[in-house]
Amino acid sequence: MGTVRKTITVTDQQDTWIKAQIEAGRYTNDSEYIRDLIRREQERSAEIEGIRLALIEGESSGEPRPFNAEDFKQRMLKAHG
């Protein structure tokens, strides 16, 4: 995987936070911290997209039907013990 060099600007407070994370041993340098933030955001975005698609599927599935929790519980117990 190739790399691209980027220059970013952060506030003094953000810089202090990043340095504290490095000093605590969570990261070895600024770049590792930023890459981890990007990875986490990519994972979060993928999760949100999955939820969004599930909501669209649910909305497209038609009118809601009444739900009886006790009937559901009995069906699950019968099917799965």
N, C-alpha and C. Protein backbone atom coordinates (compact mmCIF):
# COMPACT_ATOMS: atom_id res chain seq x y z
N MET A 1 0.85 -1.17 0.00
CA MET A 1 0.00 0.00 0.00
C MET A 1 0.90 1.24 0.00
N GLY A 2 0.66 2.13 -0.94
CA GLY A 2 1.44 3.36 -1.02
C GLY A 2 1.02 4.35 0.04
N THR A 3 1.86 5.33 0.24
CA THR A 3 1.52 6.39 1.19
C THR A 3 1.62 7.73 0.49
N VAL A 4 0.88 8.68 1.02
CA VAL A 4 0.87 10.04 0.51
C VAL A 4 1.18 10.95 1.68
N ARG A 5 2.07 11.87 1.49
CA ARG A 5 2.43 12.81 2.55
C ARG A 5 1.42 13.95 2.54
N LYS A 6 0.88 14.27 3.72
CA LYS A 6 -0.10 15.34 3.89
C LYS A 6 0.38 16.29 4.97
N THR A 7 0.02 17.53 4.84
CA THR A 7 0.28 18.51 5.88
C THR A 7 -1.07 18.93 6.43
N ILE A 8 -1.22 18.85 7.75
CA ILE A 8 -2.48 19.24 8.37
C ILE A 8 -2.21 20.31 9.42
N THR A 9 -3.25 21.04 9.75
CA THR A 9 -3.15 22.07 10.78
C THR A 9 -4.11 21.70 11.90
N VAL A 10 -3.63 21.72 13.14
CA VAL A 10 -4.46 21.44 14.30
C VAL A 10 -4.31 22.60 15.28
N THR A 11 -5.27 22.71 16.17
CA THR A 11 -5.19 23.74 17.20
C THR A 11 -4.15 23.34 18.24
N ASP A 12 -3.77 24.30 19.08
CA ASP A 12 -2.84 23.99 20.17
C ASP A 12 -3.41 22.91 21.08
N GLN A 13 -4.70 23.01 21.37
CA GLN A 13 -5.35 22.02 22.23
C GLN A 13 -5.30 20.63 21.59
N GLN A 14 -5.58 20.55 20.30
CA GLN A 14 -5.52 19.26 19.61
C GLN A 14 -4.11 18.70 19.59
N ASP A 15 -3.13 19.56 19.39
CA ASP A 15 -1.73 19.12 19.40
C ASP A 15 -1.35 18.58 20.77
N THR A 16 -1.78 19.26 21.81
CA THR A 16 -1.52 18.80 23.18
C THR A 16 -2.15 17.44 23.41
N TRP A 17 -3.37 17.27 22.92
CA TRP A 17 -4.07 15.99 23.07
C TRP A 17 -3.31 14.87 22.35
N ILE A 18 -2.91 15.12 21.12
CA ILE A 18 -2.18 14.11 20.35
C ILE A 18 -0.88 13.75 21.06
N LYS A 19 -0.15 14.75 21.52
CA LYS A 19 1.11 14.49 22.24
C LYS A 19 0.87 13.66 23.50
N ALA A 20 -0.22 13.94 24.20
CA ALA A 20 -0.55 13.18 25.41
C ALA A 20 -0.84 11.71 25.07
N GLN A 21 -1.50 11.48 23.95
CA GLN A 21 -1.79 10.10 23.53
C GLN A 21 -0.49 9.36 23.21
N ILE A 22 0.44 10.06 22.59
CA ILE A 22 1.73 9.46 22.25
C ILE A 22 2.53 9.19 23.53
N GLU A 23 2.58 10.17 24.43
CA GLU A 23 3.32 10.01 25.68
C GLU A 23 2.74 8.89 26.54
N ALA A 24 1.43 8.66 26.42
CA ALA A 24 0.78 7.59 27.18
C ALA A 24 1.05 6.22 26.56
N GLY A 25 1.70 6.21 25.41
CA GLY A 25 2.04 4.95 24.77
C GLY A 25 0.95 4.38 23.88
N ARG A 26 -0.09 5.14 23.63
CA ARG A 26 -1.18 4.65 22.78
C ARG A 26 -0.79 4.67 21.31
N TYR A 27 0.09 5.59 20.96
CA TYR A 27 0.57 5.73 19.57
C TYR A 27 2.05 6.05 19.62
N THR A 28 2.74 5.77 18.51
CA THR A 28 4.18 6.04 18.48
C THR A 28 4.49 7.41 17.89
N ASN A 29 3.56 7.96 17.10
CA ASN A 29 3.79 9.28 16.51
C ASN A 29 2.48 9.88 16.03
N ASP A 30 2.54 11.13 15.57
CA ASP A 30 1.34 11.84 15.11
C ASP A 30 0.66 11.10 13.96
N SER A 31 1.45 10.62 13.03
CA SER A 31 0.88 9.96 11.85
C SER A 31 0.08 8.72 12.23
N GLU A 32 0.62 7.94 13.17
CA GLU A 32 -0.10 6.74 13.60
C GLU A 32 -1.44 7.12 14.22
N TYR A 33 -1.45 8.19 15.00
CA TYR A 33 -2.69 8.66 15.62
C TYR A 33 -3.70 9.08 14.56
N ILE A 34 -3.28 9.87 13.60
CA ILE A 34 -4.18 10.34 12.55
C ILE A 34 -4.69 9.17 11.72
N ARG A 35 -3.83 8.22 11.38
CA ARG A 35 -4.26 7.05 10.61
C ARG A 35 -5.31 6.25 11.38
N ASP A 36 -5.12 6.13 12.70
CA ASP A 36 -6.10 5.41 13.51
C ASP A 36 -7.44 6.14 13.51
N LEU A 37 -7.41 7.46 13.61
CA LEU A 37 -8.65 8.23 13.55
C LEU A 37 -9.38 7.99 12.23
N ILE A 38 -8.63 7.97 11.14
CA ILE A 38 -9.24 7.75 9.82
C ILE A 38 -9.82 6.34 9.74
N ARG A 39 -9.07 5.34 10.21
CA ARG A 39 -9.58 3.95 10.21
C ARG A 39 -10.88 3.85 11.00
N ARG A 40 -10.90 4.46 12.18
CA ARG A 40 -12.10 4.40 13.01
C ARG A 40 -13.28 5.08 12.32
N GLU A 41 -13.03 6.21 11.68
CA GLU A 41 -14.10 6.91 10.97
C GLU A 41 -14.60 6.08 9.79
N GLN A 42 -13.71 5.40 9.10
CA GLN A 42 -14.12 4.53 8.00
C GLN A 42 -15.02 3.41 8.52
N GLU A 43 -14.64 2.79 9.64
CA GLU A 43 -15.46 1.73 10.24
C GLU A 43 -16.81 2.28 10.67
N ARG A 44 -16.81 3.43 11.30
CA ARG A 44 -18.05 4.06 11.77
C ARG A 44 -18.96 4.39 10.60
N SER A 45 -18.39 4.92 9.54
CA SER A 45 -19.18 5.25 8.35
C SER A 45 -19.79 4.00 7.73
N ALA A 46 -19.04 2.90 7.71
CA ALA A 46 -19.56 1.65 7.16
C ALA A 46 -20.72 1.14 8.02
N GLU A 47 -20.60 1.24 9.34
CA GLU A 47 -21.68 0.82 10.23
C GLU A 47 -22.92 1.67 10.01
N ILE A 48 -22.73 2.97 9.91
CA ILE A 48 -23.86 3.87 9.69
C ILE A 48 -24.53 3.57 8.35
N GLU A 49 -23.74 3.29 7.33
CA GLU A 49 -24.31 2.96 6.02
C GLU A 49 -25.12 1.67 6.11
N GLY A 50 -24.64 0.68 6.85
CA GLY A 50 -25.40 -0.56 7.04
C GLY A 50 -26.73 -0.30 7.73
N ILE A 51 -26.72 0.54 8.74
CA ILE A 51 -27.96 0.89 9.44
C ILE A 51 -28.89 1.64 8.50
N ARG A 52 -28.34 2.57 7.74
CA ARG A 52 -29.16 3.34 6.79
C ARG A 52 -29.83 2.40 5.78
N LEU A 53 -29.08 1.44 5.25
CA LEU A 53 -29.64 0.50 4.28
C LEU A 53 -30.71 -0.38 4.92
N ALA A 54 -30.49 -0.79 6.17
CA ALA A 54 -31.49 -1.60 6.87
C ALA A 54 -32.77 -0.79 7.10
N LEU A 55 -32.63 0.48 7.42
CA LEU A 55 -33.81 1.34 7.60
C LEU A 55 -34.58 1.49 6.30
N ILE A 56 -33.86 1.69 5.21
CA ILE A 56 -34.52 1.81 3.91
C ILE A 56 -35.25 0.51 3.58
N GLU A 57 -34.59 -0.63 3.82
CA GLU A 57 -35.22 -1.93 3.56
C GLU A 57 -36.49 -2.08 4.40
N GLY A 58 -36.40 -1.71 5.68
CA GLY A 58 -37.57 -1.80 6.56
C GLY A 58 -38.70 -0.91 6.11
N GLU A 59 -38.37 0.31 5.73
CA GLU A 59 -39.40 1.24 5.26
C GLU A 59 -40.04 0.76 3.97
N SER A 60 -39.28 0.07 3.15
CA SER A 60 -39.77 -0.41 1.86
C SER A 60 -40.53 -1.73 1.97
N SER A 61 -40.51 -2.35 3.14
CA SER A 61 -41.10 -3.68 3.28
C SER A 61 -42.61 -3.67 3.45
N GLY A 62 -43.18 -2.51 3.55
CA GLY A 62 -44.64 -2.43 3.66
C GLY A 62 -45.08 -1.93 5.02
N GLU A 63 -46.38 -2.01 5.21
CA GLU A 63 -46.97 -1.53 6.46
C GLU A 63 -46.54 -2.41 7.63
N PRO A 64 -46.36 -1.81 8.79
CA PRO A 64 -45.99 -2.61 9.96
C PRO A 64 -47.15 -3.50 10.40
N ARG A 65 -46.79 -4.64 11.00
CA ARG A 65 -47.79 -5.55 11.53
C ARG A 65 -47.75 -5.49 13.05
N PRO A 66 -48.85 -5.78 13.71
CA PRO A 66 -48.84 -5.79 15.18
C PRO A 66 -47.81 -6.79 15.70
N PHE A 67 -47.19 -6.45 16.82
CA PHE A 67 -46.17 -7.30 17.42
C PHE A 67 -46.62 -7.69 18.82
N ASN A 68 -46.60 -9.00 19.08
CA ASN A 68 -46.94 -9.50 20.40
C ASN A 68 -45.69 -10.13 20.99
N ALA A 69 -45.15 -9.51 22.01
CA ALA A 69 -43.89 -9.97 22.60
C ALA A 69 -44.00 -11.38 23.16
N GLU A 70 -45.11 -11.71 23.78
CA GLU A 70 -45.27 -13.04 24.37
C GLU A 70 -45.31 -14.12 23.28
N ASP A 71 -46.03 -13.86 22.19
CA ASP A 71 -46.05 -14.82 21.08
C ASP A 71 -44.64 -15.00 20.51
N PHE A 72 -43.92 -13.90 20.36
CA PHE A 72 -42.55 -13.97 19.84
C PHE A 72 -41.67 -14.81 20.77
N LYS A 73 -41.78 -14.56 22.06
CA LYS A 73 -40.99 -15.31 23.04
C LYS A 73 -41.29 -16.80 22.94
N GLN A 74 -42.56 -17.16 22.84
CA GLN A 74 -42.94 -18.57 22.74
C GLN A 74 -42.40 -19.20 21.46
N ARG A 75 -42.46 -18.49 20.34
CA ARG A 75 -41.92 -19.01 19.08
C ARG A 75 -40.42 -19.22 19.19
N MET A 76 -39.71 -18.31 19.82
CA MET A 76 -38.26 -18.43 19.97
C MET A 76 -37.91 -19.60 20.90
N LEU A 77 -38.65 -19.75 21.98
CA LEU A 77 -38.40 -20.87 22.89
C LEU A 77 -38.65 -22.20 22.20
N LYS A 78 -39.71 -22.25 21.41
CA LYS A 78 -40.03 -23.48 20.68
C LYS A 78 -38.95 -23.79 19.64
N ALA A 79 -38.48 -22.78 18.95
CA ALA A 79 -37.50 -22.98 17.88
C ALA A 79 -36.09 -23.21 18.41
N HIS A 80 -35.75 -22.56 19.52
CA HIS A 80 -34.36 -22.59 19.99
C HIS A 80 -34.18 -23.16 21.40
N GLY A 81 -35.27 -23.56 21.99
CA GLY A 81 -35.17 -24.16 23.32
C GLY A 81 -35.00 -23.18 24.36
